[in-house]
C-alpha atoms as a PDB file:
ATOM      1  CA  MET A   1      -2.085  34.719 -38.913  1.00  0.00           C
ATOM      2  CA  THR A   2      -3.147  36.675 -35.841  1.00  0.00           C
ATOM      3  CA  GLU A   3      -0.107  38.910 -36.218  1.00  0.00           C
ATOM      4  CA  TRP A   4      -1.420  40.089 -39.584  1.00  0.00           C
ATOM      5  CA  ILE A   5      -4.861  40.810 -38.140  1.00  0.00           C
ATOM      6  CA  VAL A   6      -3.301  42.750 -35.256  1.00  0.00           C
ATOM      7  CA  PHE A   7      -1.108  44.645 -37.726  1.00  0.00           C
ATOM      8  CA  ALA A   8      -4.150  45.471 -39.898  1.00  0.00           C
ATOM      9  CA  PHE A   9      -6.063  46.874 -36.916  1.00  0.00           C
ATOM     10  CA  LEU A  10      -3.057  48.931 -35.835  1.00  0.00           C
ATOM     11  CA  ILE A  11      -2.680  50.369 -39.341  1.00  0.00           C
ATOM     12  CA  LEU A  12      -6.415  51.095 -39.403  1.00  0.00           C
ATOM     13  CA  GLY A  13      -6.066  52.937 -36.099  1.00  0.00           C
ATOM     14  CA  ALA A  14      -3.163  54.992 -37.438  1.00  0.00           C
ATOM     15  CA  VAL A  15      -5.096  55.905 -40.593  1.00  0.00           C
ATOM     16  CA  PHE A  16      -8.146  57.064 -38.637  1.00  0.00           C
ATOM     17  CA  ASN A  17      -5.913  59.014 -36.277  1.00  0.00           C
ATOM     18  CA  LEU A  18      -4.294  60.792 -39.240  1.00  0.00           C
ATOM     19  CA  MET A  19      -7.701  61.563 -40.762  1.00  0.00           C
ATOM     20  CA  GLY A  20      -8.863  63.088 -37.476  1.00  0.00           C
ATOM     21  CA  LEU A  21      -5.738  65.217 -37.301  1.00  0.00           C
ATOM     22  CA  LEU A  22      -6.309  66.480 -40.835  1.00  0.00           C
ATOM     23  CA  GLY A  23      -9.932  67.232 -39.994  1.00  0.00           C
ATOM     24  CA  VAL A  24      -8.884  69.345 -37.026  1.00  0.00           C
ATOM     25  CA  LEU A  25      -6.451  71.285 -39.198  1.00  0.00           C
ATOM     26  CA  ILE A  26      -8.732  71.760 -42.209  1.00  0.00           C
ATOM     27  CA  PHE A  27     -12.268  72.315 -40.895  1.00  0.00           C
ATOM     28  CA  PRO A  28     -13.316  75.936 -40.264  1.00  0.00           C
ATOM     29  CA  ASP A  29     -15.089  76.025 -36.883  1.00  0.00           C
ATOM     30  CA  PRO A  30     -14.966  74.255 -33.510  1.00  0.00           C
ATOM     31  CA  TYR A  31     -18.091  72.194 -34.160  1.00  0.00           C
ATOM     32  CA  THR A  32     -16.856  70.523 -37.333  1.00  0.00           C
ATOM     33  CA  ARG A  33     -13.383  70.120 -35.855  1.00  0.00           C
ATOM     34  CA  LEU A  34     -14.903  68.469 -32.812  1.00  0.00           C
ATOM     35  CA  GLN A  35     -16.900  66.100 -34.998  1.00  0.00           C
ATOM     36  CA  ALA A  36     -13.824  65.083 -36.962  1.00  0.00           C
ATOM     37  CA  SER A  37     -11.606  64.640 -33.940  1.00  0.00           C
ATOM     38  CA  SER A  38     -14.081  62.775 -31.743  1.00  0.00           C
ATOM     39  CA  THR A  39     -15.300  60.399 -34.442  1.00  0.00           C
ATOM     40  CA  CYS A  40     -11.838  59.558 -35.725  1.00  0.00           C
ATOM     41  CA  SER A  41     -10.258  59.294 -32.305  1.00  0.00           C
ATOM     42  CA  THR A  42     -12.975  56.912 -31.128  1.00  0.00           C
ATOM     43  CA  THR A  43     -12.519  54.742 -34.194  1.00  0.00           C
ATOM     44  CA  SER A  44      -8.747  54.886 -33.876  1.00  0.00           C
ATOM     45  CA  VAL A  45      -8.690  53.936 -30.206  1.00  0.00           C
ATOM     46  CA  MET A  46     -11.209  51.142 -30.761  1.00  0.00           C
ATOM     47  CA  SER A  47      -9.039  49.711 -33.538  1.00  0.00           C
ATOM     48  CA  VAL A  48      -5.995  49.710 -31.271  1.00  0.00           C
ATOM     49  CA  PHE A  49      -7.995  48.131 -28.438  1.00  0.00           C
ATOM     50  CA  ILE A  50      -9.278  45.402 -30.757  1.00  0.00           C
ATOM     51  CA  ALA A  51      -5.714  44.730 -31.877  1.00  0.00           C
ATOM     52  CA  ALA A  52      -4.619  44.471 -28.245  1.00  0.00           C
ATOM     53  CA  MET A  53      -7.478  42.085 -27.419  1.00  0.00           C
ATOM     54  CA  ILE A  54      -6.665  39.864 -30.374  1.00  0.00           C
ATOM     55  CA  ASP A  55      -2.977  39.890 -29.476  1.00  0.00           C
ATOM     56  CA  SER A  56      -3.554  38.995 -25.814  1.00  0.00           C
ATOM     57  CA  GLY A  57      -5.954  36.142 -26.584  1.00  0.00           C
ATOM     58  CA  ILE A  58      -8.481  34.939 -24.024  1.00  0.00           C
ATOM     59  CA  SER A  59      -7.063  36.172 -20.719  1.00  0.00           C
ATOM     60  CA  ALA A  60      -7.600  38.607 -17.894  1.00  0.00           C
ATOM     61  CA  VAL A  61      -5.903  41.291 -19.967  1.00  0.00           C
ATOM     62  CA  THR A  62      -8.644  40.980 -22.591  1.00  0.00           C
ATOM     63  CA  GLY A  63     -11.284  41.578 -19.939  1.00  0.00           C
ATOM     64  CA  LYS A  64      -9.466  44.659 -18.685  1.00  0.00           C
ATOM     65  CA  ILE A  65      -9.176  46.031 -22.208  1.00  0.00           C
ATOM     66  CA  LEU A  66     -12.879  45.371 -22.739  1.00  0.00           C
ATOM     67  CA  VAL A  67     -13.757  47.374 -19.608  1.00  0.00           C
ATOM     68  CA  ILE A  68     -11.520  50.240 -20.783  1.00  0.00           C
ATOM     69  CA  THR A  69     -13.215  50.073 -24.193  1.00  0.00           C
ATOM     70  CA  LEU A  70     -16.678  50.356 -22.637  1.00  0.00           C
ATOM     71  CA  PHE A  71     -15.530  53.314 -20.522  1.00  0.00           C
ATOM     72  CA  PHE A  72     -14.114  55.009 -23.612  1.00  0.00           C
ATOM     73  CA  PHE A  73     -17.352  54.429 -25.540  1.00  0.00           C
ATOM     74  CA  ILE A  74     -19.239  56.230 -22.778  1.00  0.00           C
ATOM     75  CA  SER A  75     -16.796  59.031 -21.986  1.00  0.00           C
ATOM     76  CA  SER A  76     -15.812  60.093 -25.507  1.00  0.00           C
ATOM     77  CA  PRO A  77     -19.272  61.247 -26.718  1.00  0.00           C
ATOM     78  CA  VAL A  78     -19.991  62.860 -23.351  1.00  0.00           C
ATOM     79  CA  SER A  79     -16.790  64.892 -23.439  1.00  0.00           C
ATOM     80  CA  ALA A  80     -17.437  65.948 -27.048  1.00  0.00           C
ATOM     81  CA  HIS A  81     -20.935  67.081 -26.042  1.00  0.00           C
ATOM     82  CA  ILE A  82     -19.572  69.088 -23.113  1.00  0.00           C
ATOM     83  CA  ILE A  83     -17.061  70.856 -25.371  1.00  0.00           C
ATOM     84  CA  ALA A  84     -19.744  71.643 -27.975  1.00  0.00           C
ATOM     85  CA  LEU A  85     -22.087  72.918 -25.279  1.00  0.00           C
ATOM     86  CA  TYR A  86     -19.358  75.192 -23.918  1.00  0.00           C
ATOM     87  CA  ALA A  87     -18.753  76.587 -27.420  1.00  0.00           C
ATOM     88  CA  TRP A  88     -22.482  77.131 -27.933  1.00  0.00           C
ATOM     89  CA  LYS A  89     -22.925  78.910 -24.588  1.00  0.00           C
ATOM     90  CA  ASN A  90     -20.014  81.197 -25.425  1.00  0.00           C
ATOM     91  CA  GLU A  91     -21.862  82.095 -28.630  1.00  0.00           C
ATOM     92  CA  ILE A  92     -19.346  80.679 -31.059  1.00  0.00           C
ATOM     93  CA  ILE A  93     -21.264  80.750 -34.315  1.00  0.00           C
ATOM     94  CA  PRO A  94     -21.218  77.646 -36.526  1.00  0.00           C
ATOM     95  CA  TRP A  95     -19.634  78.149 -39.923  1.00  0.00           C
ATOM     96  CA  ARG A  96     -22.007  78.731 -42.848  1.00  0.00           C
ATOM     97  CA  ARG A  97     -21.186  78.559 -46.547  1.00  0.00           C
ATOM     98  CA  LYS A  98     -21.270  81.932 -48.250  1.00  0.00           C
ATOM     99  CA  GLY A  99     -23.536  82.271 -51.252  1.00  0.00           C
ATOM    100  CA  GLY A 100     -27.092  81.868 -49.997  1.00  0.00           C
ATOM    101  CA  GLN A 101     -27.651  78.111 -50.217  1.00  0.00           C
ATOM    102  CA  GLU A 102     -30.530  77.961 -47.760  1.00  0.00           C
END
């Protein structure tokens, strides 16, 4: 039974990873690309970490994965903010829809 749960979380991680990749390829400017990649990569990595924790059971490995998960939860939004701030300071203009919808 736990194998199926682990498999489901791994598939979920792969799906979110693919969605983030498509977002990076499709979206028009660095800000929307950053949003797609950071959100989907965080969700993807968390799904894989949850699968690893379920697969390892209650052990020291689970604790180590939990610490890595907490570090990733902190570092991923911070790095996305730093990249967006760099783009903003270099005056990269956010994309706007043409046609006067304001």
